[in-house]
Amino acid sequence: MSAPPRAVDRKAALTEGPIPSTLLRLALPMVVAFLSFVGFNVVDTYFVGQLGTNELAAMSFTFPVIMVVSSVSIGIGIGTTSAVSRAIGEGDTHKIRRLTTDAVTLGLVVTASVAFVGLLTIEPLFRALGADEAIVALIRQYMVIWYVGVPVVVIPQVGNSAIRATGDTRTPATIMIGAMLVNVVLDPLLIFGWGPVPALGLTGAAIATVAARGVALGLSLLVLVRRERMITTEIPSASEGLASWRAVLYIAIPAGLTQLIVPLSTGVITRFVSEYGVEAVAGFGVATRLELFAILTVNALAAALIPFVGQNWGARKAERVRIGARTAMVWAMIWGVAIWSLMLIFGRPLAGLFNDDPLVVGTTVSYLWIVGSSFGFWGLFIVSASAFNALNKPMPSALLSLIRAFAIWVPLAWIGASFFGLDAIWWAAVVANVAAGVMGVVWFRSAFTRMVRARSDSEGGANGAYATEIANPVA
């Protein structure tokens, strides 16, 4: 009989010991992983930009499609981390292996389907997005390779998510850094050629991406099979396999849709901003990119919270869940205030690094100064959403995101843009962030209290730690 997954033996790493230091240990490698992901895209864009304007435009046209596929993979990854971490907390060896193996299989099936449809729709899709014949020809050079390799691009996300569920966030970060470095080497080699290697242009960029992600796939599977022992070769029954898929998709579908809400709402806001000129759009673009870096640490903290909450809830240590969620929320608020303070001081010099047009710089600075005041509340929303996903409650996360974007920000931004000017769009974002943050905390507090009470009742009445959580819900 094979040895149990190592995660079962290491469960105490998340379910015992000091909570703040545990969250910090999980979150720091996630910051590095997110930075490597950003670096991956920056490197591709930089080298393709050296080919010419048409090639850069062609790659820009591919971003929305790649973003949609990335949202699918991120959703499956979040579902995997949530489901597997709870199984680890329960100490269910069979369930851990079954969920991990079936999640990877699910990723393969979904991405293969995406690749098949994508290859058949390259020309009509990108023409519909506004690409002319010359640009479509360049897009085809990139997307044919990318679609063929999309399983290799996406499945490492699922594998790394399963590794994170064990409480190990350092190994996935190391794998992503390795993949990025491979991409840095292969991009110029394959795009421009060197020695016997021909210049392949956009095709070379796609091959470099697929090859680098292939390295990530191989390493993540090696870790899952050899070190963590979380992959099984046992063929499941149809009902068992579908049960695993349902467990992952229950989180993955709402989480994936939530990932799409941000770019969709940003697209609508960009349309409002465009009424104030090209400089305003350029400034908004710079500001939102700086915002991604500003909020990156909170995103890493929220991602780290999923395995922590999942394992502790599975291990029936609800008090640690309560303290962990509260700690993450406090840190998110502190980080938001700190980043806003830095933006007040360094916002203008940072904006000037991207463009020296006074109108562009002014737009960027006004956004960072106004919207930055609500970064702490935005962090509360992000952390609350992750905690809900970890507890197998994905709908509140999706609804909060939808309310923030399309029930508050977009309508208020439209009114503001129509009657009060550009800064009113930024103030609309402040209202949306504050409302989403407050709603997230209140909703999570109420839902968690009900979950603790329901579990306590099902196990014979409130006692011990459960009585503590009922009396002291998440603050």
Protein backbone atom coordinates (compact mmCIF):
# COMPACT_ATOMS: atom_id res chain seq x y z
CA MET A 1 0.00 0.00 0.00
CA SER A 2 1.42 3.40 -0.98
CA ALA A 3 2.43 5.96 1.62
CA PRO A 4 -0.12 8.69 2.41
CA PRO A 5 0.28 12.21 0.97
CA ARG A 6 2.93 14.18 2.83
CA ALA A 7 0.41 16.96 3.40
CA VAL A 8 -1.42 14.81 5.96
CA ASP A 9 1.75 14.54 8.05
CA ARG A 10 2.48 18.27 7.64
CA LYS A 11 -1.06 19.44 8.45
CA ALA A 12 0.07 20.80 11.81
CA ALA A 13 2.05 23.49 9.96
CA LEU A 14 -1.22 25.33 9.26
CA THR A 15 -3.53 23.99 11.95
CA GLU A 16 -1.22 24.67 14.91
CA GLY A 17 1.16 27.41 15.99
CA PRO A 18 1.13 31.22 15.75
CA ILE A 19 -1.40 32.46 13.20
CA PRO A 20 0.22 35.76 12.07
CA SER A 21 3.59 34.17 11.31
CA THR A 22 1.87 31.28 9.50
CA LEU A 23 -0.05 33.68 7.24
CA LEU A 24 3.12 35.68 6.61
CA ARG A 25 5.02 32.52 5.68
CA LEU A 26 2.29 31.62 3.19
CA ALA A 27 1.88 35.11 1.73
CA LEU A 28 5.49 36.14 1.03
CA PRO A 29 6.16 33.48 -1.64
CA MET A 30 2.81 34.38 -3.22
CA VAL A 31 4.05 37.94 -3.71
CA VAL A 32 7.04 36.55 -5.61
CA ALA A 33 4.79 34.26 -7.67
CA PHE A 34 2.51 37.13 -8.66
CA LEU A 35 5.50 39.30 -9.57
CA SER A 36 6.87 36.53 -11.77
CA PHE A 37 3.49 36.28 -13.52
CA VAL A 38 3.53 40.02 -14.20
CA GLY A 39 7.15 39.75 -15.34
CA PHE A 40 6.17 36.97 -17.78
CA ASN A 41 3.77 39.33 -19.57
CA VAL A 42 6.09 42.33 -19.43
CA VAL A 43 8.93 40.36 -21.02
CA ASP A 44 6.70 39.09 -23.84
CA THR A 45 5.36 42.57 -24.53
CA TYR A 46 8.83 44.14 -24.50
CA PHE A 47 10.41 41.76 -26.99
CA VAL A 48 7.41 41.64 -29.31
CA GLY A 49 7.38 45.44 -29.24
CA GLN A 50 10.85 45.37 -30.80
CA LEU A 51 9.38 43.66 -33.88
CA GLY A 52 7.20 46.62 -34.78
CA THR A 53 3.89 48.34 -34.19
CA ASN A 54 1.82 45.79 -36.11
CA GLU A 55 3.24 42.86 -34.13
CA LEU A 56 2.64 44.69 -30.85
CA ALA A 57 -0.92 45.49 -31.95
CA ALA A 58 -1.45 41.83 -32.87
CA MET A 59 -0.35 40.72 -29.41
CA SER A 60 -2.57 43.39 -27.84
CA PHE A 61 -5.56 41.92 -29.68
CA THR A 62 -4.81 38.52 -28.12
CA PHE A 63 -4.90 39.87 -24.53
CA PRO A 64 -8.71 39.72 -24.07
CA VAL A 65 -8.83 36.10 -25.27
CA ILE A 66 -5.86 35.09 -23.13
CA MET A 67 -7.48 36.92 -20.20
CA VAL A 68 -10.65 34.86 -20.59
CA VAL A 69 -8.69 31.58 -20.66
CA SER A 70 -6.59 32.79 -17.69
CA SER A 71 -9.80 33.48 -15.78
CA VAL A 72 -10.89 29.89 -16.42
CA SER A 73 -7.57 28.51 -15.18
CA ILE A 74 -7.51 30.80 -12.13
CA GLY A 75 -11.05 29.70 -11.29
CA ILE A 76 -10.13 26.01 -11.49
CA GLY A 77 -7.02 26.76 -9.44
CA ILE A 78 -9.01 28.47 -6.67
CA GLY A 79 -11.51 25.59 -6.68
CA THR A 80 -8.66 23.09 -6.42
CA THR A 81 -6.95 24.87 -3.52
CA SER A 82 -10.24 25.21 -1.64
CA ALA A 83 -11.38 21.59 -2.09
CA VAL A 84 -7.97 19.94 -1.55
CA SER A 85 -7.07 22.05 1.49
CA ARG A 86 -10.33 21.08 3.23
CA ALA A 87 -9.64 17.41 2.44
CA ILE A 88 -6.15 17.78 3.94
CA GLY A 89 -7.68 19.33 7.06
CA GLU A 90 -10.02 16.34 7.33
CA GLY A 91 -7.05 13.98 6.93
CA ASP A 92 -8.84 12.03 4.16
CA THR A 93 -6.00 10.46 2.14
CA HIS A 94 -8.20 9.00 -0.59
CA LYS A 95 -10.11 12.25 -1.04
CA ILE A 96 -6.89 14.29 -1.29
CA ARG A 97 -5.54 12.13 -4.11
CA ARG A 98 -8.87 11.85 -5.88
CA LEU A 99 -9.52 15.60 -5.85
CA THR A 100 -5.98 16.46 -6.97
CA THR A 101 -5.91 13.94 -9.81
CA ASP A 102 -9.40 14.76 -11.01
CA ALA A 103 -8.72 18.51 -10.85
CA VAL A 104 -5.73 18.08 -13.19
CA THR A 105 -7.87 15.94 -15.49
CA LEU A 106 -10.60 18.58 -15.42
CA GLY A 107 -8.07 21.23 -16.40
CA LEU A 108 -6.95 19.07 -19.32
CA VAL A 109 -10.51 18.50 -20.56
CA VAL A 110 -11.49 22.16 -20.27
CA THR A 111 -8.36 23.52 -21.92
CA ALA A 112 -8.48 20.96 -24.74
CA SER A 113 -12.05 22.08 -25.44
CA VAL A 114 -10.97 25.73 -25.40
CA ALA A 115 -8.11 24.96 -27.79
CA PHE A 116 -10.40 23.14 -30.24
CA VAL A 117 -12.94 25.97 -30.35
CA GLY A 118 -10.21 28.61 -30.43
CA LEU A 119 -8.43 27.13 -33.43
CA LEU A 120 -11.70 27.13 -35.39
CA THR A 121 -12.57 30.74 -34.54
CA ILE A 122 -9.30 32.67 -34.84
CA GLU A 123 -10.22 34.67 -37.93
CA PRO A 124 -13.89 35.50 -37.21
CA LEU A 125 -13.21 36.26 -33.55
CA PHE A 126 -10.35 38.67 -34.09
CA ARG A 127 -12.02 40.32 -37.05
CA ALA A 128 -14.99 40.93 -34.75
CA LEU A 129 -12.58 42.54 -32.29
CA GLY A 130 -11.48 44.97 -35.00
CA ALA A 131 -8.30 43.43 -36.46
CA ASP A 132 -7.73 43.93 -40.19
CA GLU A 133 -6.40 41.27 -42.58
CA ALA A 134 -2.72 42.08 -41.97
CA ILE A 135 -3.10 41.99 -38.20
CA VAL A 136 -5.19 38.78 -38.31
CA ALA A 137 -2.36 37.10 -40.23
CA LEU A 138 0.06 38.05 -37.45
CA ILE A 139 -2.40 36.97 -34.77
CA ARG A 140 -2.68 33.57 -36.42
CA GLN A 141 1.10 33.12 -36.16
CA TYR A 142 0.85 33.51 -32.39
CA MET A 143 -2.52 31.99 -31.52
CA VAL A 144 -2.20 28.71 -33.47
CA ILE A 145 0.82 27.78 -31.35
CA TRP A 146 -0.74 29.20 -28.19
CA TYR A 147 -4.00 27.27 -28.63
CA VAL A 148 -2.18 24.00 -29.38
CA GLY A 149 -0.14 24.51 -26.23
CA VAL A 150 -2.92 25.92 -24.04
CA PRO A 151 -3.18 22.77 -21.87
CA VAL A 152 0.53 23.16 -21.10
CA VAL A 153 -0.08 26.86 -20.36
CA VAL A 154 -3.05 26.33 -18.04
CA ILE A 155 -2.55 23.00 -16.23
CA PRO A 156 0.48 24.20 -14.20
CA GLN A 157 -1.93 26.68 -12.60
CA VAL A 158 -4.01 23.72 -11.36
CA GLY A 159 -0.97 21.72 -10.25
CA ASN A 160 0.54 24.66 -8.37
CA SER A 161 -2.84 25.32 -6.74
CA ALA A 162 -2.89 21.75 -5.40
CA ILE A 163 0.63 22.25 -4.01
CA ARG A 164 -0.49 25.50 -2.32
CA ALA A 165 -3.36 23.59 -0.70
CA THR A 166 -0.74 21.68 1.31
CA GLY A 167 0.47 24.95 2.81
CA ASP A 168 3.57 25.07 0.58
CA THR A 169 3.50 28.37 -1.33
CA ARG A 170 7.28 28.51 -1.79
CA THR A 171 7.54 25.64 -4.29
CA PRO A 172 4.91 27.06 -6.71
CA ALA A 173 6.66 30.45 -6.53
CA THR A 174 9.99 28.81 -7.34
CA ILE A 175 8.42 26.96 -10.27
CA MET A 176 6.94 30.20 -11.65
CA ILE A 177 10.26 32.01 -11.32
CA GLY A 178 11.96 29.17 -13.19
CA ALA A 179 9.36 29.34 -15.97
CA MET A 180 9.78 33.11 -16.25
CA LEU A 181 13.57 32.77 -16.54
CA VAL A 182 13.16 30.17 -19.29
CA ASN A 183 10.85 32.59 -21.09
CA VAL A 184 13.38 35.44 -20.70
CA VAL A 185 16.03 33.28 -22.41
CA LEU A 186 13.82 31.80 -25.14
CA ASP A 187 11.94 34.97 -26.13
CA PRO A 188 14.83 36.85 -27.78
CA LEU A 189 16.37 33.61 -29.08
CA LEU A 190 13.23 32.45 -30.88
CA ILE A 191 11.78 35.84 -31.81
CA PHE A 192 14.95 37.33 -33.35
CA GLY A 193 17.01 34.19 -34.00
CA TRP A 194 20.64 33.54 -33.22
CA GLY A 195 23.20 31.36 -34.99
CA PRO A 196 21.43 28.25 -36.33
CA VAL A 197 18.12 29.29 -34.68
CA PRO A 198 15.95 31.13 -37.25
CA ALA A 199 14.03 34.32 -36.41
CA LEU A 200 10.44 33.20 -35.89
CA GLY A 201 8.83 36.47 -34.84
CA LEU A 202 5.44 36.09 -33.15
CA THR A 203 5.55 32.33 -33.68
CA GLY A 204 8.77 32.28 -31.67
CA ALA A 205 7.12 34.27 -28.88
CA ALA A 206 4.32 31.70 -28.69
CA ILE A 207 6.75 28.77 -28.70
CA ALA A 208 8.76 30.41 -25.91
CA THR A 209 5.61 30.84 -23.81
CA VAL A 210 4.47 27.25 -24.32
CA ALA A 211 7.98 25.87 -23.67
CA ALA A 212 8.39 27.89 -20.46
CA ARG A 213 4.98 26.81 -19.21
CA GLY A 214 5.86 23.25 -20.18
CA VAL A 215 8.79 23.43 -17.76
CA ALA A 216 6.35 24.62 -15.08
CA LEU A 217 3.98 21.75 -15.89
CA GLY A 218 6.72 19.14 -15.63
CA LEU A 219 8.01 20.49 -12.33
CA SER A 220 4.59 20.83 -10.71
CA LEU A 221 3.58 17.29 -11.72
CA LEU A 222 6.93 15.96 -10.49
CA VAL A 223 6.34 17.57 -7.10
CA LEU A 224 2.75 16.29 -6.91
CA VAL A 225 3.69 12.72 -7.91
CA ARG A 226 7.08 12.13 -6.32
CA ARG A 227 7.26 14.43 -3.32
CA GLU A 228 3.67 15.08 -2.24
CA ARG A 229 2.22 11.73 -3.39
CA MET A 230 -1.06 13.44 -4.28
CA ILE A 231 -1.63 11.87 -7.72
CA THR A 232 -3.25 8.46 -8.08
CA THR A 233 -3.27 6.14 -11.09
CA GLU A 234 -6.47 4.52 -9.88
CA ILE A 235 -9.27 5.00 -12.41
CA PRO A 236 -12.33 6.39 -10.62
CA SER A 237 -15.91 5.35 -11.19
CA ALA A 238 -17.98 7.80 -13.22
CA SER A 239 -19.85 8.95 -10.13
CA GLU A 240 -16.67 9.45 -8.13
CA GLY A 241 -14.95 11.40 -10.89
CA LEU A 242 -17.98 13.62 -11.41
CA ALA A 243 -18.21 14.22 -7.67
CA SER A 244 -14.63 15.54 -7.68
CA TRP A 245 -15.35 17.77 -10.67
CA ARG A 246 -18.47 19.12 -8.99
CA ALA A 247 -16.50 19.93 -5.83
CA VAL A 248 -13.91 21.90 -7.82
CA LEU A 249 -16.35 23.53 -10.26
CA TYR A 250 -18.65 24.63 -7.45
CA ILE A 251 -15.91 27.12 -6.53
CA ALA A 252 -14.23 27.40 -9.94
CA ILE A 253 -17.19 28.69 -11.97
CA PRO A 254 -18.12 31.63 -9.70
CA ALA A 255 -14.43 32.37 -9.07
CA GLY A 256 -13.66 32.36 -12.80
CA LEU A 257 -16.61 34.64 -13.55
CA THR A 258 -15.48 36.93 -10.74
CA GLN A 259 -12.07 37.21 -12.40
CA LEU A 260 -13.80 38.44 -15.57
CA ILE A 261 -15.81 41.15 -13.82
CA VAL A 262 -12.79 43.40 -13.23
CA PRO A 263 -11.62 43.63 -16.89
CA LEU A 264 -15.20 43.98 -18.12
CA SER A 265 -16.00 46.82 -15.74
CA THR A 266 -12.64 48.46 -16.46
CA GLY A 267 -13.52 48.37 -20.16
CA VAL A 268 -16.78 50.23 -19.45
CA ILE A 269 -15.02 52.79 -17.27
CA THR A 270 -12.41 53.30 -20.00
CA ARG A 271 -15.25 54.23 -22.35
CA PHE A 272 -16.41 56.90 -19.89
CA VAL A 273 -12.86 58.20 -19.46
CA SER A 274 -12.36 58.39 -23.25
CA GLU A 275 -14.83 61.30 -23.35
CA TYR A 276 -12.11 63.38 -21.72
CA GLY A 277 -9.48 62.70 -24.38
CA VAL A 278 -6.62 60.38 -25.24
CA GLU A 279 -4.46 61.81 -22.46
CA ALA A 280 -7.09 60.88 -19.88
CA VAL A 281 -7.23 57.31 -21.20
CA ALA A 282 -3.43 57.08 -21.15
CA GLY A 283 -3.32 58.39 -17.57
CA PHE A 284 -6.03 55.95 -16.50
CA GLY A 285 -4.04 53.11 -18.08
CA VAL A 286 -0.88 54.07 -16.20
CA ALA A 287 -2.81 54.44 -12.93
CA THR A 288 -4.49 51.03 -13.17
CA ARG A 289 -1.15 49.36 -13.85
CA LEU A 290 0.41 51.02 -10.82
CA GLU A 291 -2.70 50.01 -8.87
CA LEU A 292 -2.07 46.34 -9.76
CA PHE A 293 1.35 46.53 -8.12
CA ALA A 294 -0.06 48.44 -5.14
CA ILE A 295 -2.68 45.79 -4.42
CA LEU A 296 -0.44 42.82 -5.28
CA THR A 297 0.52 42.15 -1.67
CA VAL A 298 -3.14 42.01 -0.60
CA ASN A 299 -3.91 39.62 -3.45
CA ALA A 300 -1.05 37.42 -2.25
CA LEU A 301 -2.36 37.54 1.31
CA ALA A 302 -5.85 36.62 0.11
CA ALA A 303 -4.51 33.71 -1.94
CA ALA A 304 -2.51 32.49 1.09
CA LEU A 305 -5.65 32.66 3.24
CA ILE A 306 -7.39 29.95 1.17
CA PRO A 307 -5.23 26.96 2.22
CA PHE A 308 -5.06 28.29 5.79
CA VAL A 309 -8.83 28.62 6.16
CA GLY A 310 -9.52 25.44 4.19
CA GLN A 311 -7.26 23.22 6.28
CA ASN A 312 -8.38 24.65 9.60
CA TRP A 313 -12.06 24.44 8.74
CA GLY A 314 -11.55 20.85 7.55
CA ALA A 315 -9.73 20.10 10.83
CA ARG A 316 -12.66 21.63 12.77
CA LYS A 317 -10.54 24.43 14.18
CA ALA A 318 -12.97 27.25 13.57
CA GLU A 319 -11.36 29.57 16.12
CA ARG A 320 -8.19 29.63 14.01
CA VAL A 321 -10.31 30.43 10.96
CA ARG A 322 -11.87 33.37 12.82
CA ILE A 323 -8.51 34.74 14.02
CA GLY A 324 -6.83 34.14 10.65
CA ALA A 325 -9.56 35.97 8.71
CA ARG A 326 -9.53 38.87 11.17
CA THR A 327 -5.72 39.11 11.04
CA ALA A 328 -5.73 39.17 7.23
CA MET A 329 -8.40 41.88 7.21
CA VAL A 330 -6.43 44.06 9.63
CA TRP A 331 -3.27 43.63 7.58
CA ALA A 332 -5.15 44.46 4.36
CA MET A 333 -6.43 47.71 5.84
CA ILE A 334 -3.01 48.69 7.20
CA TRP A 335 -1.37 47.92 3.86
CA GLY A 336 -3.98 49.96 1.98
CA VAL A 337 -3.41 53.01 4.16
CA ALA A 338 0.37 52.65 3.89
CA ILE A 339 0.28 52.35 0.09
CA TRP A 340 -2.01 55.40 -0.18
CA SER A 341 0.46 57.39 1.94
CA LEU A 342 3.26 56.40 -0.43
CA MET A 343 1.12 57.35 -3.43
CA LEU A 344 0.56 60.82 -1.95
CA ILE A 345 4.33 61.27 -1.77
CA PHE A 346 5.60 59.39 -4.83
CA GLY A 347 2.54 59.28 -7.12
CA ARG A 348 3.65 62.19 -9.32
CA PRO A 349 7.26 61.00 -9.83
CA LEU A 350 6.00 57.48 -10.60
CA ALA A 351 3.51 58.80 -13.15
CA GLY A 352 6.28 60.83 -14.78
CA LEU A 353 8.31 57.67 -15.42
CA PHE A 354 5.65 56.47 -17.88
CA ASN A 355 4.89 59.73 -19.69
CA ASP A 356 5.85 63.37 -19.38
CA ASP A 357 2.63 64.86 -20.78
CA PRO A 358 1.19 67.07 -17.99
CA LEU A 359 -2.38 65.93 -18.74
CA VAL A 360 -1.40 62.24 -18.57
CA VAL A 361 0.54 62.75 -15.35
CA GLY A 362 -2.28 64.81 -13.84
CA THR A 363 -4.87 62.11 -14.60
CA THR A 364 -2.66 59.38 -13.14
CA VAL A 365 -1.96 61.36 -9.98
CA SER A 366 -5.61 62.30 -9.39
CA TYR A 367 -6.62 58.65 -9.71
CA LEU A 368 -3.94 57.42 -7.33
CA TRP A 369 -4.63 60.12 -4.75
CA ILE A 370 -8.43 59.76 -4.80
CA VAL A 371 -8.92 56.01 -5.39
CA GLY A 372 -5.89 55.19 -3.24
CA SER A 373 -7.78 56.45 -0.20
CA SER A 374 -10.01 53.35 -0.51
CA PHE A 375 -7.28 50.73 -1.07
CA GLY A 376 -7.69 49.47 2.50
CA PHE A 377 -11.41 48.84 1.99
CA TRP A 378 -10.69 47.17 -1.36
CA GLY A 379 -8.31 44.90 0.54
CA LEU A 380 -11.10 43.98 2.98
CA PHE A 381 -13.26 42.98 0.02
CA ILE A 382 -10.49 40.86 -1.54
CA VAL A 383 -9.73 39.05 1.72
CA SER A 384 -13.42 38.44 2.47
CA ALA A 385 -13.93 36.98 -1.01
CA SER A 386 -11.03 34.55 -0.56
CA ALA A 387 -12.26 33.48 2.88
CA PHE A 388 -15.70 32.71 1.42
CA ASN A 389 -14.12 30.60 -1.35
CA ALA A 390 -12.03 28.69 1.19
CA LEU A 391 -15.18 27.83 3.15
CA ASN A 392 -16.88 26.48 0.00
CA LYS A 393 -19.15 29.55 -0.22
CA PRO A 394 -18.35 31.03 -3.65
CA MET A 395 -21.57 32.90 -4.39
CA PRO A 396 -21.03 35.73 -1.86
CA SER A 397 -17.63 36.42 -3.48
CA ALA A 398 -19.15 36.59 -6.95
CA LEU A 399 -22.08 38.71 -5.81
CA LEU A 400 -19.83 41.13 -3.92
CA SER A 401 -17.66 41.58 -7.00
CA LEU A 402 -20.71 42.09 -9.22
CA ILE A 403 -22.24 44.63 -6.81
CA ARG A 404 -18.96 46.54 -6.47
CA ALA A 405 -18.41 46.79 -10.22
CA PHE A 406 -21.80 47.01 -11.91
CA ALA A 407 -24.24 48.03 -9.17
CA ILE A 408 -22.09 50.80 -7.68
CA TRP A 409 -18.98 51.84 -9.63
CA VAL A 410 -20.28 51.81 -13.23
CA PRO A 411 -23.61 53.60 -12.52
CA LEU A 412 -22.01 56.22 -10.26
CA ALA A 413 -19.15 56.70 -12.75
CA TRP A 414 -21.65 57.27 -15.55
CA ILE A 415 -23.50 59.89 -13.51
CA GLY A 416 -20.24 61.49 -12.44
CA ALA A 417 -18.81 61.58 -15.96
CA SER A 418 -22.04 63.06 -17.31
CA PHE A 419 -22.45 65.85 -14.77
CA PHE A 420 -19.39 66.42 -12.60
CA GLY A 421 -16.17 65.68 -14.50
CA LEU A 422 -13.35 63.14 -14.58
CA ASP A 423 -12.56 63.15 -10.86
CA ALA A 424 -16.16 62.07 -10.16
CA ILE A 425 -15.34 58.72 -11.85
CA TRP A 426 -12.54 58.21 -9.33
CA TRP A 427 -14.80 59.13 -6.40
CA ALA A 428 -17.30 56.57 -7.70
CA ALA A 429 -14.55 53.96 -7.36
CA VAL A 430 -13.96 55.07 -3.76
CA VAL A 431 -17.65 54.60 -2.93
CA ALA A 432 -17.63 51.16 -4.60
CA ASN A 433 -14.50 50.02 -2.74
CA VAL A 434 -15.69 51.23 0.66
CA ALA A 435 -19.13 49.66 0.19
CA ALA A 436 -17.68 46.33 -1.01
CA GLY A 437 -15.18 46.22 1.86
CA VAL A 438 -17.78 46.91 4.55
CA MET A 439 -20.29 44.49 2.99
CA GLY A 440 -17.62 41.81 2.70
CA VAL A 441 -16.68 41.99 6.39
CA VAL A 442 -20.28 42.12 7.63
CA TRP A 443 -21.43 39.33 5.31
CA PHE A 444 -18.51 37.07 6.19
CA ARG A 445 -19.03 37.67 9.91
CA SER A 446 -22.70 36.75 9.67
CA ALA A 447 -22.18 33.74 7.38
CA PHE A 448 -19.32 32.34 9.46
CA THR A 449 -21.34 32.62 12.66
CA ARG A 450 -24.18 30.66 11.05
CA MET A 451 -21.76 28.01 9.75
CA VAL A 452 -20.19 27.55 13.19
CA ARG A 453 -23.61 27.30 14.83
CA ALA A 454 -24.84 24.80 12.23
CA ARG A 455 -21.76 22.62 12.66
CA SER A 456 -22.04 22.80 16.43
CA ASP A 457 -25.72 21.80 16.31
CA SER A 458 -24.99 18.89 13.98
CA GLU A 459 -22.28 17.61 16.32
CA GLY A 460 -24.37 17.72 19.48
CA GLY A 461 -24.54 21.30 20.62
CA ALA A 462 -22.24 24.27 21.07
CA ASN A 463 -19.32 23.54 23.31
CA GLY A 464 -15.68 24.34 23.74
CA ALA A 465 -14.19 26.29 20.89
CA TYR A 466 -17.50 26.42 19.00
CA ALA A 467 -19.17 28.30 21.83
CA THR A 468 -16.30 30.79 21.65
CA GLU A 469 -16.86 31.42 17.94
CA ILE A 470 -20.60 31.91 18.39
CA ALA A 471 -19.95 34.45 21.10
CA ASN A 472 -17.06 36.08 19.21
CA PRO A 473 -17.77 36.03 15.46
CA VAL A 474 -15.32 37.34 12.91
CA ALA A 475 -14.78 41.03 13.46
